[in-house]
C-alpha atoms as a PDB file:
ATOM      1  CA  MET A   1       0.000   0.000   0.000  1.00  0.00           C
ATOM      2  CA  TYR A   2       2.854   2.336   0.639  1.00  0.00           C
ATOM      3  CA  SER A   3       6.046   0.721  -0.580  1.00  0.00           C
ATOM      4  CA  SER A   4       8.985   2.927  -1.483  1.00  0.00           C
ATOM      5  CA  GLU A   5       8.169   2.460  -5.192  1.00  0.00           C
ATOM      6  CA  ASP A   6       4.842   4.208  -4.583  1.00  0.00           C
ATOM      7  CA  ALA A   7       6.578   7.336  -3.329  1.00  0.00           C
ATOM      8  CA  PRO A   8       5.459  10.240  -5.484  1.00  0.00           C
ATOM      9  CA  PRO A   9       8.116  11.962  -7.559  1.00  0.00           C
ATOM     10  CA  THR A  10       9.713  14.979  -5.934  1.00  0.00           C
ATOM     11  CA  THR A  11       8.165  17.139  -8.652  1.00  0.00           C
ATOM     12  CA  GLN A  12       4.743  16.682  -7.035  1.00  0.00           C
ATOM     13  CA  ASN A  13       2.975  19.952  -6.262  1.00  0.00           C
ATOM     14  CA  PHE A  14       2.521  19.924  -2.516  1.00  0.00           C
ATOM     15  CA  ILE A  15      -0.120  22.270  -1.124  1.00  0.00           C
ATOM     16  CA  ILE A  16      -1.130  23.580   2.285  1.00  0.00           C
ATOM     17  CA  PRO A  17      -4.086  21.394   3.379  1.00  0.00           C
ATOM     18  CA  LYS A  18      -7.378  23.164   3.974  1.00  0.00           C
ATOM     19  CA  LYS A  19     -10.892  22.381   5.163  1.00  0.00           C
ATOM     20  CA  GLU A  20     -13.335  21.178   2.488  1.00  0.00           C
ATOM     21  CA  ILE A  21     -16.261  19.836   4.534  1.00  0.00           C
ATOM     22  CA  HIS A  22     -18.280  22.940   5.399  1.00  0.00           C
ATOM     23  CA  THR A  23     -21.847  21.611   5.648  1.00  0.00           C
ATOM     24  CA  VAL A  24     -23.473  18.272   6.467  1.00  0.00           C
ATOM     25  CA  PRO A  25     -24.228  17.524   2.768  1.00  0.00           C
ATOM     26  CA  ASP A  26     -20.448  17.817   2.089  1.00  0.00           C
ATOM     27  CA  MET A  27     -19.984  14.583   4.074  1.00  0.00           C
ATOM     28  CA  GLY A  28     -20.747  12.620   0.886  1.00  0.00           C
ATOM     29  CA  LYS A  29     -17.677  14.223  -0.744  1.00  0.00           C
ATOM     30  CA  TRP A  30     -15.540  13.036   2.188  1.00  0.00           C
ATOM     31  CA  LYS A  31     -16.826   9.439   2.082  1.00  0.00           C
ATOM     32  CA  ARG A  32     -16.144   9.223  -1.662  1.00  0.00           C
ATOM     33  CA  SER A  33     -12.759  10.940  -1.432  1.00  0.00           C
ATOM     34  CA  GLN A  34      -9.303   9.524  -2.045  1.00  0.00           C
ATOM     35  CA  ALA A  35      -8.424  10.866   1.424  1.00  0.00           C
ATOM     36  CA  TYR A  36     -11.081   8.704   3.113  1.00  0.00           C
ATOM     37  CA  ALA A  37     -10.064   5.585   1.166  1.00  0.00           C
ATOM     38  CA  ASP A  38      -6.374   6.114   1.940  1.00  0.00           C
ATOM     39  CA  TYR A  39      -6.983   7.002   5.588  1.00  0.00           C
ATOM     40  CA  ILE A  40      -9.161   3.975   6.354  1.00  0.00           C
ATOM     41  CA  GLY A  41      -6.841   1.760   4.306  1.00  0.00           C
ATOM     42  CA  PHE A  42      -3.912   2.950   6.424  1.00  0.00           C
ATOM     43  CA  ILE A  43      -5.778   2.254   9.697  1.00  0.00           C
ATOM     44  CA  LEU A  44      -6.748  -1.263   8.534  1.00  0.00           C
ATOM     45  CA  THR A  45      -3.259  -2.095   7.216  1.00  0.00           C
ATOM     46  CA  LEU A  46      -1.797  -1.253  10.624  1.00  0.00           C
ATOM     47  CA  ASN A  47      -4.620  -3.185  12.318  1.00  0.00           C
ATOM     48  CA  GLU A  48      -3.556  -6.274  10.365  1.00  0.00           C
ATOM     49  CA  GLY A  49       0.138  -5.626  11.048  1.00  0.00           C
ATOM     50  CA  VAL A  50      -0.151  -5.690  14.848  1.00  0.00           C
ATOM     51  CA  LYS A  51      -2.569  -8.625  15.042  1.00  0.00           C
ATOM     52  CA  GLY A  52      -1.619 -11.019  17.846  1.00  0.00           C
ATOM     53  CA  LYS A  53       1.601  -9.152  18.728  1.00  0.00           C
ATOM     54  CA  LYS A  54       2.691  -7.816  22.123  1.00  0.00           C
ATOM     55  CA  LEU A  55       4.240  -4.357  22.485  1.00  0.00           C
ATOM     56  CA  SER A  56       7.447  -6.177  23.498  1.00  0.00           C
ATOM     57  CA  PHE A  57       7.525  -8.023  20.134  1.00  0.00           C
ATOM     58  CA  GLU A  58      10.872  -7.684  18.299  1.00  0.00           C
ATOM     59  CA  TYR A  59      10.430  -5.419  15.270  1.00  0.00           C
ATOM     60  CA  LYS A  60      12.592  -3.332  12.981  1.00  0.00           C
ATOM     61  CA  VAL A  61      13.170   0.280  14.014  1.00  0.00           C
ATOM     62  CA  SER A  62      14.238   2.448  11.084  1.00  0.00           C
ATOM     63  CA  GLU A  63      15.961   5.811  11.272  1.00  0.00           C
ATOM     64  CA  ALA A  64      12.690   7.572  10.357  1.00  0.00           C
ATOM     65  CA  ILE A  65      10.938   5.898  13.301  1.00  0.00           C
ATOM     66  CA  GLU A  66      13.729   6.987  15.670  1.00  0.00           C
ATOM     67  CA  LYS A  67      13.442  10.566  14.380  1.00  0.00           C
ATOM     68  CA  LEU A  68       9.660  10.587  14.918  1.00  0.00           C
ATOM     69  CA  VAL A  69      10.137   9.389  18.491  1.00  0.00           C
ATOM     70  CA  ALA A  70      12.721  12.158  19.009  1.00  0.00           C
ATOM     71  CA  LEU A  71      10.174  14.689  17.674  1.00  0.00           C
ATOM     72  CA  LEU A  72       7.592  13.445  20.196  1.00  0.00           C
ATOM     73  CA  ASN A  73      10.222  13.549  22.964  1.00  0.00           C
ATOM     74  CA  THR A  74      10.722  17.236  22.140  1.00  0.00           C
ATOM     75  CA  LEU A  75       6.985  17.898  22.530  1.00  0.00           C
ATOM     76  CA  ASP A  76       7.111  16.064  25.863  1.00  0.00           C
ATOM     77  CA  ARG A  77      10.075  18.151  27.052  1.00  0.00           C
ATOM     78  CA  TRP A  78       8.201  21.343  26.141  1.00  0.00           C
ATOM     79  CA  ILE A  79       5.403  20.310  28.520  1.00  0.00           C
ATOM     80  CA  ASP A  80       7.978  20.143  31.349  1.00  0.00           C
ATOM     81  CA  GLU A  81       9.237  23.578  30.312  1.00  0.00           C
ATOM     82  CA  THR A  82       5.686  25.050  30.325  1.00  0.00           C
ATOM     83  CA  PRO A  83       4.165  24.379  33.753  1.00  0.00           C
ATOM     84  CA  PRO A  84       0.428  25.019  34.290  1.00  0.00           C
ATOM     85  CA  VAL A  85      -0.424  28.524  35.510  1.00  0.00           C
ATOM     86  CA  ASP A  86      -2.539  29.459  38.528  1.00  0.00           C
ATOM     87  CA  GLN A  87      -6.053  30.277  37.374  1.00  0.00           C
ATOM     88  CA  PRO A  88      -9.560  30.166  38.860  1.00  0.00           C
ATOM     89  CA  SER A  89     -10.909  27.584  36.383  1.00  0.00           C
ATOM     90  CA  ARG A  90      -9.928  23.972  37.082  1.00  0.00           C
ATOM     91  CA  PHE A  91     -10.146  22.906  33.440  1.00  0.00           C
ATOM     92  CA  GLY A  92      -8.379  24.153  30.336  1.00  0.00           C
ATOM     93  CA  ASN A  93      -5.158  25.545  31.795  1.00  0.00           C
ATOM     94  CA  LYS A  94      -4.061  28.532  29.707  1.00  0.00           C
ATOM     95  CA  ALA A  95      -0.399  27.446  29.785  1.00  0.00           C
ATOM     96  CA  TYR A  96      -1.460  24.971  27.087  1.00  0.00           C
ATOM     97  CA  ARG A  97      -1.712  27.939  24.687  1.00  0.00           C
ATOM     98  CA  THR A  98       1.927  28.816  25.374  1.00  0.00           C
ATOM     99  CA  TRP A  99       2.929  25.207  24.730  1.00  0.00           C
ATOM    100  CA  TYR A 100       0.841  25.126  21.543  1.00  0.00           C
ATOM    101  CA  ALA A 101       2.241  28.422  20.233  1.00  0.00           C
ATOM    102  CA  ARG A 102       5.705  26.897  20.411  1.00  0.00           C
ATOM    103  CA  LEU A 103       4.603  23.915  18.337  1.00  0.00           C
ATOM    104  CA  ASP A 104       2.807  26.193  15.891  1.00  0.00           C
ATOM    105  CA  GLN A 105       6.041  28.098  15.353  1.00  0.00           C
ATOM    106  CA  GLU A 106       8.380  25.102  15.266  1.00  0.00           C
ATOM    107  CA  ALA A 107       6.254  22.443  13.502  1.00  0.00           C
ATOM    108  CA  GLU A 108       7.930  22.767  10.101  1.00  0.00           C
ATOM    109  CA  ASN A 109      11.410  22.650  11.635  1.00  0.00           C
ATOM    110  CA  LEU A 110      10.430  19.536  13.605  1.00  0.00           C
ATOM    111  CA  VAL A 111       9.004  17.793  10.521  1.00  0.00           C
ATOM    112  CA  ALA A 112      12.120  18.769   8.539  1.00  0.00           C
ATOM    113  CA  THR A 113      14.179  16.630  10.948  1.00  0.00           C
ATOM    114  CA  VAL A 114      12.203  13.555   9.808  1.00  0.00           C
ATOM    115  CA  VAL A 115      11.882  14.266   6.077  1.00  0.00           C
ATOM    116  CA  PRO A 116      15.002  13.936   3.858  1.00  0.00           C
ATOM    117  CA  THR A 117      16.124  17.103   2.060  1.00  0.00           C
ATOM    118  CA  HIS A 118      15.045  15.921  -1.414  1.00  0.00           C
ATOM    119  CA  LEU A 119      11.463  15.868  -0.056  1.00  0.00           C
ATOM    120  CA  ALA A 120      11.717  19.240   1.698  1.00  0.00           C
ATOM    121  CA  ALA A 121       8.885  20.602  -0.471  1.00  0.00           C
ATOM    122  CA  ALA A 122       6.465  18.255   1.346  1.00  0.00           C
ATOM    123  CA  VAL A 123       7.267  19.646   4.816  1.00  0.00           C
ATOM    124  CA  PRO A 124       4.727  22.521   4.959  1.00  0.00           C
ATOM    125  CA  GLU A 125       1.911  20.190   3.850  1.00  0.00           C
ATOM    126  CA  VAL A 126       2.778  17.373   6.261  1.00  0.00           C
ATOM    127  CA  ALA A 127       3.437  19.751   9.200  1.00  0.00           C
ATOM    128  CA  VAL A 128      -0.205  20.939   9.133  1.00  0.00           C
ATOM    129  CA  TYR A 129      -1.346  17.480  10.280  1.00  0.00           C
ATOM    130  CA  LEU A 130       1.140  17.512  13.165  1.00  0.00           C
ATOM    131  CA  LYS A 131      -0.180  20.907  14.323  1.00  0.00           C
ATOM    132  CA  GLU A 132      -3.769  19.611  14.109  1.00  0.00           C
ATOM    133  CA  SER A 133      -2.976  16.482  16.143  1.00  0.00           C
ATOM    134  CA  VAL A 134      -2.415  17.875  19.630  1.00  0.00           C
ATOM    135  CA  GLY A 135      -5.703  19.572  20.490  1.00  0.00           C
ATOM    136  CA  ASN A 136      -7.332  22.959  19.971  1.00  0.00           C
ATOM    137  CA  SER A 137      -5.620  25.987  21.509  1.00  0.00           C
ATOM    138  CA  THR A 138      -8.760  28.144  21.593  1.00  0.00           C
ATOM    139  CA  ARG A 139     -10.967  25.630  23.389  1.00  0.00           C
ATOM    140  CA  ILE A 140      -8.098  23.784  25.122  1.00  0.00           C
ATOM    141  CA  ASP A 141      -9.715  20.490  24.209  1.00  0.00           C
ATOM    142  CA  TYR A 142      -8.655  17.225  22.591  1.00  0.00           C
ATOM    143  CA  GLY A 143     -10.619  14.467  20.881  1.00  0.00           C
ATOM    144  CA  THR A 144     -10.712  11.796  18.197  1.00  0.00           C
ATOM    145  CA  GLY A 145     -10.447  14.378  15.395  1.00  0.00           C
ATOM    146  CA  HIS A 146      -7.036  15.408  16.735  1.00  0.00           C
ATOM    147  CA  GLU A 147      -6.028  11.756  17.017  1.00  0.00           C
ATOM    148  CA  ALA A 148      -7.129  11.281  13.370  1.00  0.00           C
ATOM    149  CA  ALA A 149      -4.861  14.166  12.341  1.00  0.00           C
ATOM    150  CA  PHE A 150      -1.890  12.314  13.847  1.00  0.00           C
ATOM    151  CA  ALA A 151      -2.794   9.148  11.941  1.00  0.00           C
ATOM    152  CA  ALA A 152      -3.121  11.339   8.814  1.00  0.00           C
ATOM    153  CA  PHE A 153       0.346  12.790   9.561  1.00  0.00           C
ATOM    154  CA  LEU A 154       1.789   9.251   9.637  1.00  0.00           C
ATOM    155  CA  CYS A 155      -0.176   8.289   6.522  1.00  0.00           C
ATOM    156  CA  CYS A 156       1.333  11.269   4.654  1.00  0.00           C
ATOM    157  CA  LEU A 157       4.840  10.222   5.728  1.00  0.00           C
ATOM    158  CA  CYS A 158       4.094   6.806   4.218  1.00  0.00           C
ATOM    159  CA  LYS A 159       2.813   8.352   1.013  1.00  0.00           C
ATOM    160  CA  ILE A 160       6.015  10.330   0.452  1.00  0.00           C
ATOM    161  CA  GLY A 161       8.102   7.258   1.237  1.00  0.00           C
ATOM    162  CA  VAL A 162       9.618   8.407   4.547  1.00  0.00           C
ATOM    163  CA  LEU A 163       7.918   5.478   6.279  1.00  0.00           C
ATOM    164  CA  ARG A 164       7.912   2.089   4.521  1.00  0.00           C
ATOM    165  CA  VAL A 165       5.923  -1.140   4.602  1.00  0.00           C
ATOM    166  CA  ASP A 166       8.363  -2.742   7.034  1.00  0.00           C
ATOM    167  CA  ASP A 167       7.836   0.143   9.488  1.00  0.00           C
ATOM    168  CA  GLN A 168       4.219  -0.940  10.098  1.00  0.00           C
ATOM    169  CA  ILE A 169       4.622  -2.452  13.546  1.00  0.00           C
ATOM    170  CA  ALA A 170       6.952   0.314  14.728  1.00  0.00           C
ATOM    171  CA  ILE A 171       4.462   2.965  13.519  1.00  0.00           C
ATOM    172  CA  VAL A 172       1.915   1.639  16.021  1.00  0.00           C
ATOM    173  CA  PHE A 173       4.087   0.267  18.821  1.00  0.00           C
ATOM    174  CA  LYS A 174       6.786   2.901  18.894  1.00  0.00           C
ATOM    175  CA  VAL A 175       5.505   6.114  17.298  1.00  0.00           C
ATOM    176  CA  PHE A 176       1.765   6.019  17.991  1.00  0.00           C
ATOM    177  CA  ASN A 177       2.339   4.637  21.467  1.00  0.00           C
ATOM    178  CA  ARG A 178       4.756   7.484  22.262  1.00  0.00           C
ATOM    179  CA  TYR A 179       2.230   9.958  20.835  1.00  0.00           C
ATOM    180  CA  LEU A 180      -0.394   8.539  23.236  1.00  0.00           C
ATOM    181  CA  GLU A 181       1.926   9.022  26.204  1.00  0.00           C
ATOM    182  CA  VAL A 182       2.521  12.652  25.252  1.00  0.00           C
ATOM    183  CA  MET A 183      -1.213  13.270  24.712  1.00  0.00           C
ATOM    184  CA  ARG A 184      -2.056  11.759  28.104  1.00  0.00           C
ATOM    185  CA  LYS A 185       0.531  14.027  29.684  1.00  0.00           C
ATOM    186  CA  LEU A 186      -0.994  17.064  27.908  1.00  0.00           C
ATOM    187  CA  GLN A 187      -4.505  16.050  28.995  1.00  0.00           C
ATOM    188  CA  LYS A 188      -3.388  15.623  32.614  1.00  0.00           C
ATOM    189  CA  THR A 189      -1.047  18.612  32.872  1.00  0.00           C
ATOM    190  CA  TYR A 190      -3.359  21.190  31.304  1.00  0.00           C
ATOM    191  CA  ARG A 191      -6.642  19.522  32.324  1.00  0.00           C
ATOM    192  CA  MET A 192      -7.831  19.543  28.716  1.00  0.00           C
ATOM    193  CA  GLU A 193     -11.531  19.160  27.985  1.00  0.00           C
ATOM    194  CA  PRO A 194     -12.717  16.244  25.837  1.00  0.00           C
ATOM    195  CA  ALA A 195     -13.698  17.553  22.382  1.00  0.00           C
ATOM    196  CA  GLY A 196     -17.283  16.656  21.509  1.00  0.00           C
ATOM    197  CA  SER A 197     -17.477  14.094  24.310  1.00  0.00           C
ATOM    198  CA  GLN A 198     -20.518  11.843  24.341  1.00  0.00           C
ATOM    199  CA  GLY A 199     -20.115  11.354  28.092  1.00  0.00           C
ATOM    200  CA  VAL A 200     -20.645   7.787  29.261  1.00  0.00           C
ATOM    201  CA  TRP A 201     -22.066   6.863  25.843  1.00  0.00           C
ATOM    202  CA  GLY A 202     -18.806   7.440  23.996  1.00  0.00           C
ATOM    203  CA  LEU A 203     -16.044   4.852  23.970  1.00  0.00           C
ATOM    204  CA  ASP A 204     -13.492   7.129  25.617  1.00  0.00           C
ATOM    205  CA  ASP A 205     -13.195  10.881  26.206  1.00  0.00           C
ATOM    206  CA  PHE A 206     -10.043  11.286  24.164  1.00  0.00           C
ATOM    207  CA  GLN A 207      -8.885   8.314  22.050  1.00  0.00           C
ATOM    208  CA  PHE A 208     -10.223   5.636  19.731  1.00  0.00           C
ATOM    209  CA  LEU A 209      -7.453   4.144  17.560  1.00  0.00           C
ATOM    210  CA  PRO A 210      -5.540   2.427  20.401  1.00  0.00           C
ATOM    211  CA  PHE A 211      -8.713   0.473  21.201  1.00  0.00           C
ATOM    212  CA  ILE A 212      -8.885  -0.739  17.589  1.00  0.00           C
ATOM    213  CA  TRP A 213      -5.196  -1.642  17.275  1.00  0.00           C
ATOM    214  CA  GLY A 214      -5.088  -2.788  20.902  1.00  0.00           C
ATOM    215  CA  SER A 215      -7.953  -5.248  20.368  1.00  0.00           C
ATOM    216  CA  SER A 216      -6.180  -6.570  17.259  1.00  0.00           C
ATOM    217  CA  GLN A 217      -3.078  -7.247  19.386  1.00  0.00           C
ATOM    218  CA  LEU A 218      -5.209  -9.471  21.615  1.00  0.00           C
ATOM    219  CA  ILE A 219      -6.797 -11.589  18.843  1.00  0.00           C
ATOM    220  CA  ASP A 220      -6.298 -15.311  19.614  1.00  0.00           C
ATOM    221  CA  HIS A 221      -4.630 -14.560  22.968  1.00  0.00           C
ATOM    222  CA  PRO A 222      -4.176 -17.857  24.859  1.00  0.00           C
ATOM    223  CA  TYR A 223      -5.995 -16.706  28.016  1.00  0.00           C
ATOM    224  CA  LEU A 224      -6.901 -12.977  28.018  1.00  0.00           C
ATOM    225  CA  GLU A 225     -10.502 -12.558  26.882  1.00  0.00           C
ATOM    226  CA  PRO A 226     -12.557  -9.365  26.525  1.00  0.00           C
ATOM    227  CA  ARG A 227     -14.150  -9.994  29.946  1.00  0.00           C
ATOM    228  CA  HIS A 228     -10.699  -9.664  31.550  1.00  0.00           C
ATOM    229  CA  PHE A 229     -10.172  -5.998  30.759  1.00  0.00           C
ATOM    230  CA  VAL A 230     -12.610  -5.001  33.508  1.00  0.00           C
ATOM    231  CA  ASP A 231     -10.567  -7.099  35.957  1.00  0.00           C
ATOM    232  CA  GLU A 232      -8.055  -4.873  37.756  1.00  0.00           C
ATOM    233  CA  LYS A 233      -5.542  -7.682  38.318  1.00  0.00           C
ATOM    234  CA  ALA A 234      -5.492  -8.707  34.643  1.00  0.00           C
ATOM    235  CA  VAL A 235      -4.998  -5.066  33.593  1.00  0.00           C
ATOM    236  CA  ASN A 236      -2.194  -4.448  36.105  1.00  0.00           C
ATOM    237  CA  GLU A 237      -0.314  -7.577  35.040  1.00  0.00           C
ATOM    238  CA  ASN A 238      -0.609  -7.106  31.264  1.00  0.00           C
ATOM    239  CA  HIS A 239      -0.948  -3.395  30.442  1.00  0.00           C
ATOM    240  CA  LYS A 240       2.711  -2.993  29.450  1.00  0.00           C
ATOM    241  CA  ASP A 241       2.207  -5.496  26.629  1.00  0.00           C
ATOM    242  CA  TYR A 242      -1.160  -4.365  25.284  1.00  0.00           C
ATOM    243  CA  MET A 243      -2.331  -0.899  24.203  1.00  0.00           C
ATOM    244  CA  PHE A 244      -5.966  -1.708  24.952  1.00  0.00           C
ATOM    245  CA  LEU A 245      -5.189  -2.448  28.599  1.00  0.00           C
ATOM    246  CA  GLU A 246      -2.978   0.651  28.852  1.00  0.00           C
ATOM    247  CA  CYS A 247      -6.024   2.692  27.766  1.00  0.00           C
ATOM    248  CA  ILE A 248      -8.187   1.004  30.404  1.00  0.00           C
ATOM    249  CA  LEU A 249      -5.569   1.728  33.077  1.00  0.00           C
ATOM    250  CA  PHE A 250      -5.500   5.431  32.112  1.00  0.00           C
ATOM    251  CA  ILE A 251      -9.315   5.631  32.310  1.00  0.00           C
ATOM    252  CA  THR A 252      -9.358   4.083  35.780  1.00  0.00           C
ATOM    253  CA  GLU A 253      -6.660   6.538  36.926  1.00  0.00           C
ATOM    254  CA  MET A 254      -8.608   9.530  35.586  1.00  0.00           C
ATOM    255  CA  LYS A 255     -12.155   8.541  36.597  1.00  0.00           C
ATOM    256  CA  THR A 256     -13.767   7.590  39.869  1.00  0.00           C
ATOM    257  CA  GLY A 257     -16.726   5.335  40.598  1.00  0.00           C
ATOM    258  CA  PRO A 258     -17.826   2.009  39.101  1.00  0.00           C
ATOM    259  CA  PHE A 259     -16.404   1.245  35.643  1.00  0.00           C
ATOM    260  CA  ALA A 260     -19.859   0.283  34.305  1.00  0.00           C
ATOM    261  CA  GLU A 261     -21.077   3.799  35.134  1.00  0.00           C
ATOM    262  CA  HIS A 262     -18.237   6.017  33.862  1.00  0.00           C
ATOM    263  CA  SER A 263     -17.415   3.857  30.789  1.00  0.00           C
ATOM    264  CA  ASN A 264     -20.645   2.186  29.816  1.00  0.00           C
ATOM    265  CA  GLN A 265     -19.711   1.433  26.198  1.00  0.00           C
ATOM    266  CA  LEU A 266     -16.476  -0.292  27.209  1.00  0.00           C
ATOM    267  CA  TRP A 267     -18.322  -2.220  29.892  1.00  0.00           C
ATOM    268  CA  ASN A 268     -20.710  -3.506  27.207  1.00  0.00           C
ATOM    269  CA  ILE A 269     -17.766  -4.466  24.976  1.00  0.00           C
ATOM    270  CA  SER A 270     -16.313  -6.604  27.783  1.00  0.00           C
ATOM    271  CA  ALA A 271     -19.277  -8.967  27.263  1.00  0.00           C
ATOM    272  CA  VAL A 272     -18.345  -9.661  23.608  1.00  0.00           C
ATOM    273  CA  PRO A 273     -17.046 -13.258  23.353  1.00  0.00           C
ATOM    274  CA  SER A 274     -13.887 -12.790  21.256  1.00  0.00           C
ATOM    275  CA  TRP A 275     -11.275 -10.153  20.484  1.00  0.00           C
ATOM    276  CA  SER A 276     -11.808 -10.488  16.729  1.00  0.00           C
ATOM    277  CA  LYS A 277     -15.497  -9.617  17.256  1.00  0.00           C
ATOM    278  CA  VAL A 278     -14.440  -6.671  19.444  1.00  0.00           C
ATOM    279  CA  ASN A 279     -11.997  -5.538  16.753  1.00  0.00           C
ATOM    280  CA  GLN A 280     -14.580  -5.726  13.942  1.00  0.00           C
ATOM    281  CA  GLY A 281     -17.180  -3.954  16.090  1.00  0.00           C
ATOM    282  CA  LEU A 282     -14.766  -1.148  16.982  1.00  0.00           C
ATOM    283  CA  ILE A 283     -13.860  -0.573  13.319  1.00  0.00           C
ATOM    284  CA  ARG A 284     -17.578  -0.244  12.507  1.00  0.00           C
ATOM    285  CA  MET A 285     -18.071   2.057  15.481  1.00  0.00           C
ATOM    286  CA  TYR A 286     -15.055   4.194  14.499  1.00  0.00           C
ATOM    287  CA  LYS A 287     -16.495   4.747  11.028  1.00  0.00           C
ATOM    288  CA  ALA A 288     -19.952   5.584  12.404  1.00  0.00           C
ATOM    289  CA  GLU A 289     -18.993   7.630  15.477  1.00  0.00           C
ATOM    290  CA  CYS A 290     -15.879   9.436  14.231  1.00  0.00           C
ATOM    291  CA  LEU A 291     -15.361   9.293  10.480  1.00  0.00           C
ATOM    292  CA  GLU A 292     -19.008   9.807   9.563  1.00  0.00           C
ATOM    293  CA  LYS A 293     -19.725  12.541  12.096  1.00  0.00           C
ATOM    294  CA  PHE A 294     -19.776  16.085  10.718  1.00  0.00           C
ATOM    295  CA  PRO A 295     -18.588  17.751  13.978  1.00  0.00           C
ATOM    296  CA  VAL A 296     -15.387  15.672  13.742  1.00  0.00           C
ATOM    297  CA  ILE A 297     -14.763  15.742   9.979  1.00  0.00           C
ATOM    298  CA  GLN A 298     -15.504  19.443   9.439  1.00  0.00           C
ATOM    299  CA  HIS A 299     -12.031  20.105  10.910  1.00  0.00           C
ATOM    300  CA  PHE A 300     -10.182  17.600   8.683  1.00  0.00           C
ATOM    301  CA  LYS A 301      -7.826  19.185   6.146  1.00  0.00           C
ATOM    302  CA  PHE A 302      -7.180  18.036   2.585  1.00  0.00           C
ATOM    303  CA  GLY A 303      -4.096  18.587   0.438  1.00  0.00           C
ATOM    304  CA  SER A 304      -2.206  16.806  -2.333  1.00  0.00           C
ATOM    305  CA  LEU A 305      -1.385  13.743  -0.203  1.00  0.00           C
ATOM    306  CA  LEU A 306      -4.864  13.286   1.251  1.00  0.00           C
ATOM    307  CA  PRO A 307      -7.004  14.789  -1.538  1.00  0.00           C
ATOM    308  CA  ILE A 308     -10.715  15.553  -1.477  1.00  0.00           C
ATOM    309  CA  HIS A 309     -11.226  14.405  -5.077  1.00  0.00           C
ATOM    310  CA  PRO A 310     -13.187  11.162  -5.572  1.00  0.00           C
ATOM    311  CA  VAL A 311     -11.301   7.859  -5.491  1.00  0.00           C
ATOM    312  CA  THR A 312      -9.391   7.182  -8.670  1.00  0.00           C
ATOM    313  CA  SER A 313      -8.955   3.501  -9.485  1.00  0.00           C
ATOM    314  CA  SER A 314      -5.378   2.449  -8.916  1.00  0.00           C
ATOM    315  CA  CYS A 315      -5.218  -0.072 -11.778  1.00  0.00           C
END
């Protein structure tokens, strides 16, 4: 899907991505677009790649992967350098805006450390997705649309050939996992609001993709079944190996009260008999609750790498 041979020629006209979905009827354009096909294809390719594998699985780590982790480490360090300020409101600490302004200014320089010089023309286009992936600086909130922008950022890096087919496992286990750690730190440090939260009826206040890829990791597990993720002991013993359980641990740290009350959807999922059923159900739910929801997709940006034009057959 994104082998090095597929990398577009350096003569490609890169453009600054912009919003194209302005009204609810525009959603049809999105669902028929090349961007949608490529985005969902990317998510499903990675889903297949991590199937049945622990986070501790031995996989190849390329130079590009190392550079992406270094980029995320920089964002993490900036959080330490930008402590929350004293303010009357408990939520949405304004220091987040200072942190964000730094990223806004430095994003292209950061992306340039990952992209080789012969592809420098792609940097401004790709950097937009990085800036979109860390939350909204006006509302000081974060949600699945921001998470989707990070997946789009990685998808673009695949399309220009910076990331390759054999980076698949590392994209999820090393890069996306590090991204999650940094996002959790942002959410905690600046008490960010969930963007468009559905309360107890949503899957999670902030993330969705780690539940998809995390359930794929657990397919055909010898003894961990979906019912085990609501068991504290099972989570504590296995969370370092499985993204799904790491997500559950974070929820239980952040929320009080019975799990069935604060995370009703996840509680229901724990009754599903197998991880492959959970995985298929979550993919369907992701399409319906995130990718087909106007409030989420109205913020998505389209450029030359993730274009709004209808799917062109690749034969």
